[in-house]
Amino acid sequence: MNSINDTIWNCIEKRKQTQVGLNIILELFNHEQCLIIEQLSQSDKQIEKKMENIKNLLRDEASEYSPKDSDAFDIYNEILVYKFLRDRWSNISFCPTKKNNTKTPDYILKLESGTRINLELKNINIQEPNESFRITQKEQQISHIDKKSAYTFKPFKQSNRKTVIEALITKISSSIKQDQLSYEGNQGILIVDLIKFGHFPL
């Protein structure tokens, strides 16, 4: 039975105990950052709601990587990027989600002049098939403790730094949502986060 008092980290630890092999997405979560999110949620209702979404996604009982893991990490990262931006600009907020399916940016920055700027965060997902590398789990049963051999990396084709960068540019270009960047006629800035590529040598 799930407890609403579970922390993000507790949910991650429970998932790790059920994993066959290494789930790299779960390894990207940081304990200290999870604690920061818990603390922020106590005074921010939007972060509290997002935090509960993270925990619900992490409660998936899959024994290997699940798309819900990436969804949970994207929300986790969205909160941390928001904190990073807010530490520098106090007049930044999450953009309210419209009920009529209108595409909205992740954040709105209000300048002293009154100008509003849309900020859209795009997390590039290592699990998606259009990118240069994919992760495949070995066929044999591997203990989650055996982290060195749990996954192998297989390029779709012979890749070097240039082809990986070109693939990223293509992926980013195809993922841009102009209606989010130009929401309500504002100027827009696209923020691209490649943290999920941090564990992969190019």
Protein backbone atom coordinates (compact mmCIF):
# COMPACT_ATOMS: atom_id res chain seq x y z
CA MET A 1 0.00 0.00 0.00
CA ASN A 2 1.40 3.40 -0.97
CA SER A 3 1.82 6.05 1.67
CA ILE A 4 1.29 9.70 0.85
CA ASN A 5 4.15 10.34 3.27
CA ASP A 6 6.66 8.55 1.01
CA THR A 7 9.50 10.81 -0.05
CA ILE A 8 10.74 10.93 -3.63
CA TRP A 9 13.92 9.18 -2.57
CA ASN A 10 12.00 6.40 -0.81
CA CYS A 11 10.06 5.78 -4.02
CA ILE A 12 13.32 5.63 -5.98
CA GLU A 13 14.91 3.21 -3.50
CA LYS A 14 11.86 0.94 -3.66
CA ARG A 15 12.02 0.93 -7.47
CA LYS A 16 15.74 0.08 -7.41
CA GLN A 17 15.08 -2.93 -5.22
CA THR A 18 12.80 -4.42 -7.89
CA GLN A 19 15.03 -3.67 -10.89
CA VAL A 20 16.72 -6.32 -13.00
CA GLY A 21 19.90 -4.64 -14.14
CA LEU A 22 20.79 -0.98 -13.95
CA ASN A 23 18.04 1.56 -14.60
CA ILE A 24 20.12 4.56 -15.65
CA ILE A 25 17.23 7.03 -15.38
CA LEU A 26 16.79 6.21 -11.69
CA GLU A 27 20.53 6.73 -11.21
CA LEU A 28 20.18 10.32 -12.46
CA PHE A 29 18.11 11.34 -9.43
CA ASN A 30 20.15 13.02 -6.69
CA HIS A 31 19.30 12.53 -3.02
CA GLU A 32 20.15 16.10 -1.98
CA GLN A 33 18.14 17.54 -4.86
CA CYS A 34 15.17 15.37 -3.90
CA LEU A 35 15.36 16.81 -0.38
CA ILE A 36 15.41 20.33 -1.83
CA ILE A 37 12.25 19.60 -3.81
CA GLU A 38 10.56 18.25 -0.66
CA GLN A 39 11.48 21.45 1.15
CA LEU A 40 10.29 23.73 -1.67
CA SER A 41 6.98 21.86 -1.82
CA GLN A 42 6.14 22.95 1.73
CA SER A 43 5.71 26.56 0.63
CA ASP A 44 4.78 26.20 -3.04
CA LYS A 45 1.54 24.44 -4.04
CA GLN A 46 2.62 24.03 -7.66
CA ILE A 47 5.83 22.27 -6.65
CA GLU A 48 3.87 20.18 -4.17
CA LYS A 49 1.57 18.99 -6.96
CA LYS A 50 4.49 18.25 -9.27
CA MET A 51 6.25 16.37 -6.47
CA GLU A 52 3.21 14.14 -5.97
CA ASN A 53 3.18 13.47 -9.73
CA ILE A 54 6.82 12.36 -9.51
CA LYS A 55 6.07 9.95 -6.68
CA ASN A 56 3.03 8.50 -8.42
CA LEU A 57 5.07 7.84 -11.57
CA LEU A 58 7.90 6.24 -9.58
CA ARG A 59 5.45 3.87 -7.90
CA ASP A 60 5.28 1.92 -11.16
CA GLU A 61 6.05 -1.71 -10.32
CA ALA A 62 7.94 -2.49 -13.52
CA SER A 63 11.09 -4.56 -12.98
CA GLU A 64 13.01 -2.68 -15.66
CA TYR A 65 13.03 0.74 -17.31
CA SER A 66 9.57 2.25 -17.74
CA PRO A 67 8.66 5.40 -19.73
CA LYS A 68 7.18 6.63 -16.45
CA ASP A 69 10.74 6.86 -15.09
CA SER A 70 11.64 9.42 -17.76
CA ASP A 71 8.39 11.29 -17.16
CA ALA A 72 9.19 11.46 -13.43
CA PHE A 73 12.73 12.64 -14.12
CA ASP A 74 11.50 15.34 -16.51
CA ILE A 75 9.22 16.78 -13.81
CA TYR A 76 12.02 16.52 -11.22
CA ASN A 77 14.35 18.36 -13.61
CA GLU A 78 11.68 20.96 -14.41
CA ILE A 79 11.49 21.85 -10.71
CA LEU A 80 15.28 22.08 -10.36
CA VAL A 81 15.60 24.29 -13.45
CA TYR A 82 12.81 26.47 -12.04
CA LYS A 83 14.76 26.84 -8.76
CA PHE A 84 17.94 27.65 -10.69
CA LEU A 85 16.14 30.38 -12.64
CA ARG A 86 14.25 31.75 -9.63
CA ASP A 87 17.50 32.10 -7.67
CA ARG A 88 18.55 34.57 -10.37
CA TRP A 89 15.23 36.16 -11.33
CA SER A 90 12.54 36.39 -8.67
CA ASN A 91 9.83 37.33 -11.20
CA ILE A 92 9.65 33.87 -12.74
CA SER A 93 6.78 31.45 -12.34
CA PHE A 94 5.43 28.19 -13.73
CA CYS A 95 3.02 28.86 -16.56
CA PRO A 96 -0.51 27.71 -15.66
CA THR A 97 -1.73 24.80 -17.80
CA LYS A 98 -4.72 25.73 -19.94
CA LYS A 99 -7.77 23.46 -19.76
CA ASN A 100 -8.57 23.77 -23.47
CA ASN A 101 -5.41 21.89 -24.50
CA THR A 102 -3.62 25.12 -25.42
CA LYS A 103 0.13 24.47 -25.51
CA THR A 104 1.87 26.59 -22.88
CA PRO A 105 5.56 27.12 -22.04
CA ASP A 106 7.01 25.74 -18.82
CA TYR A 107 7.82 29.12 -17.27
CA ILE A 108 7.01 32.82 -17.63
CA LEU A 109 9.60 35.50 -16.82
CA LYS A 110 8.24 38.96 -16.15
CA LEU A 111 10.74 41.78 -16.65
CA GLU A 112 10.69 45.08 -14.75
CA SER A 113 9.39 46.74 -17.92
CA GLY A 114 6.35 44.48 -17.80
CA THR A 115 7.50 42.42 -20.77
CA ARG A 116 6.83 38.70 -20.44
CA ILE A 117 9.19 36.08 -21.83
CA ASN A 118 8.23 32.46 -22.37
CA LEU A 119 10.76 29.84 -21.30
CA GLU A 120 10.33 26.31 -22.60
CA LEU A 121 12.41 23.45 -21.20
CA LYS A 122 13.20 20.48 -23.45
CA ASN A 123 14.79 17.39 -21.94
CA ILE A 124 16.43 15.25 -24.61
CA ASN A 125 15.64 11.63 -23.82
CA ILE A 126 18.33 8.99 -24.33
CA GLN A 127 15.68 6.31 -24.68
CA GLU A 128 14.09 7.70 -27.82
CA PRO A 129 14.86 5.90 -31.10
CA ASN A 130 15.89 8.92 -33.18
CA GLU A 131 19.06 9.56 -31.21
CA SER A 132 22.53 8.19 -31.79
CA PHE A 133 22.66 5.78 -28.89
CA ARG A 134 20.18 3.36 -27.40
CA ILE A 135 20.34 1.26 -24.26
CA THR A 136 19.43 -2.40 -24.44
CA GLN A 137 19.17 -4.67 -21.47
CA LYS A 138 21.06 -7.95 -21.76
CA GLU A 139 18.93 -11.03 -22.22
CA GLN A 140 20.26 -12.86 -19.18
CA GLN A 141 19.02 -12.07 -15.67
CA ILE A 142 21.46 -9.61 -14.07
CA SER A 143 21.38 -8.51 -10.47
CA HIS A 144 20.70 -4.80 -9.97
CA ILE A 145 23.91 -4.75 -7.91
CA ASP A 146 26.00 -5.63 -10.98
CA LYS A 147 25.94 -2.09 -12.34
CA LYS A 148 28.92 -2.34 -14.69
CA SER A 149 27.46 -4.97 -16.98
CA ALA A 150 23.74 -4.38 -16.69
CA TYR A 151 23.43 -2.39 -19.90
CA THR A 152 25.28 -2.22 -23.18
CA PHE A 153 25.40 0.71 -25.56
CA LYS A 154 24.73 0.05 -29.22
CA PRO A 155 25.03 2.83 -31.80
CA PHE A 156 22.45 2.65 -34.58
CA LYS A 157 25.32 3.30 -36.94
CA GLN A 158 28.98 4.08 -36.54
CA SER A 159 28.88 7.35 -34.64
CA ASN A 160 31.44 9.97 -33.77
CA ARG A 161 31.14 13.28 -31.97
CA LYS A 162 30.05 15.10 -35.14
CA THR A 163 27.23 12.67 -36.00
CA VAL A 164 25.99 12.68 -32.40
CA ILE A 165 25.91 16.50 -32.36
CA GLU A 166 24.12 16.55 -35.72
CA ALA A 167 21.58 14.04 -34.39
CA LEU A 168 21.01 16.23 -31.34
CA ILE A 169 20.51 19.34 -33.48
CA THR A 170 17.97 17.46 -35.61
CA LYS A 171 16.19 16.16 -32.53
CA ILE A 172 16.04 19.59 -30.89
CA SER A 173 14.86 21.28 -34.10
CA SER A 174 12.06 18.75 -34.56
CA SER A 175 10.92 19.12 -30.96
CA ILE A 176 10.48 22.89 -30.94
CA LYS A 177 6.86 23.87 -30.39
CA GLN A 178 6.47 27.39 -31.80
CA ASP A 179 3.06 27.87 -30.20
CA GLN A 180 4.63 27.35 -26.77
CA LEU A 181 7.52 29.72 -27.43
CA SER A 182 5.19 32.41 -28.84
CA TYR A 183 2.43 31.88 -26.25
CA GLU A 184 0.27 35.03 -25.85
CA GLY A 185 2.51 36.83 -28.36
CA ASN A 186 5.53 36.85 -26.03
CA GLN A 187 9.17 36.41 -26.98
CA GLY A 188 10.38 32.88 -26.28
CA ILE A 189 13.56 31.15 -25.16
CA LEU A 190 14.17 27.42 -25.57
CA ILE A 191 16.16 25.77 -22.77
CA VAL A 192 17.70 22.45 -23.79
CA ASP A 193 18.82 20.07 -21.06
CA LEU A 194 21.21 17.27 -22.01
CA ILE A 195 21.68 15.87 -18.51
CA LYS A 196 20.51 12.43 -19.62
CA PHE A 197 23.51 12.30 -21.95
CA GLY A 198 25.91 12.97 -19.08
CA HIS A 199 26.59 9.27 -18.53
CA PHE A 200 27.49 8.57 -22.15
CA PRO A 201 30.90 9.35 -23.69
CA LEU A 202 30.57 10.88 -27.14
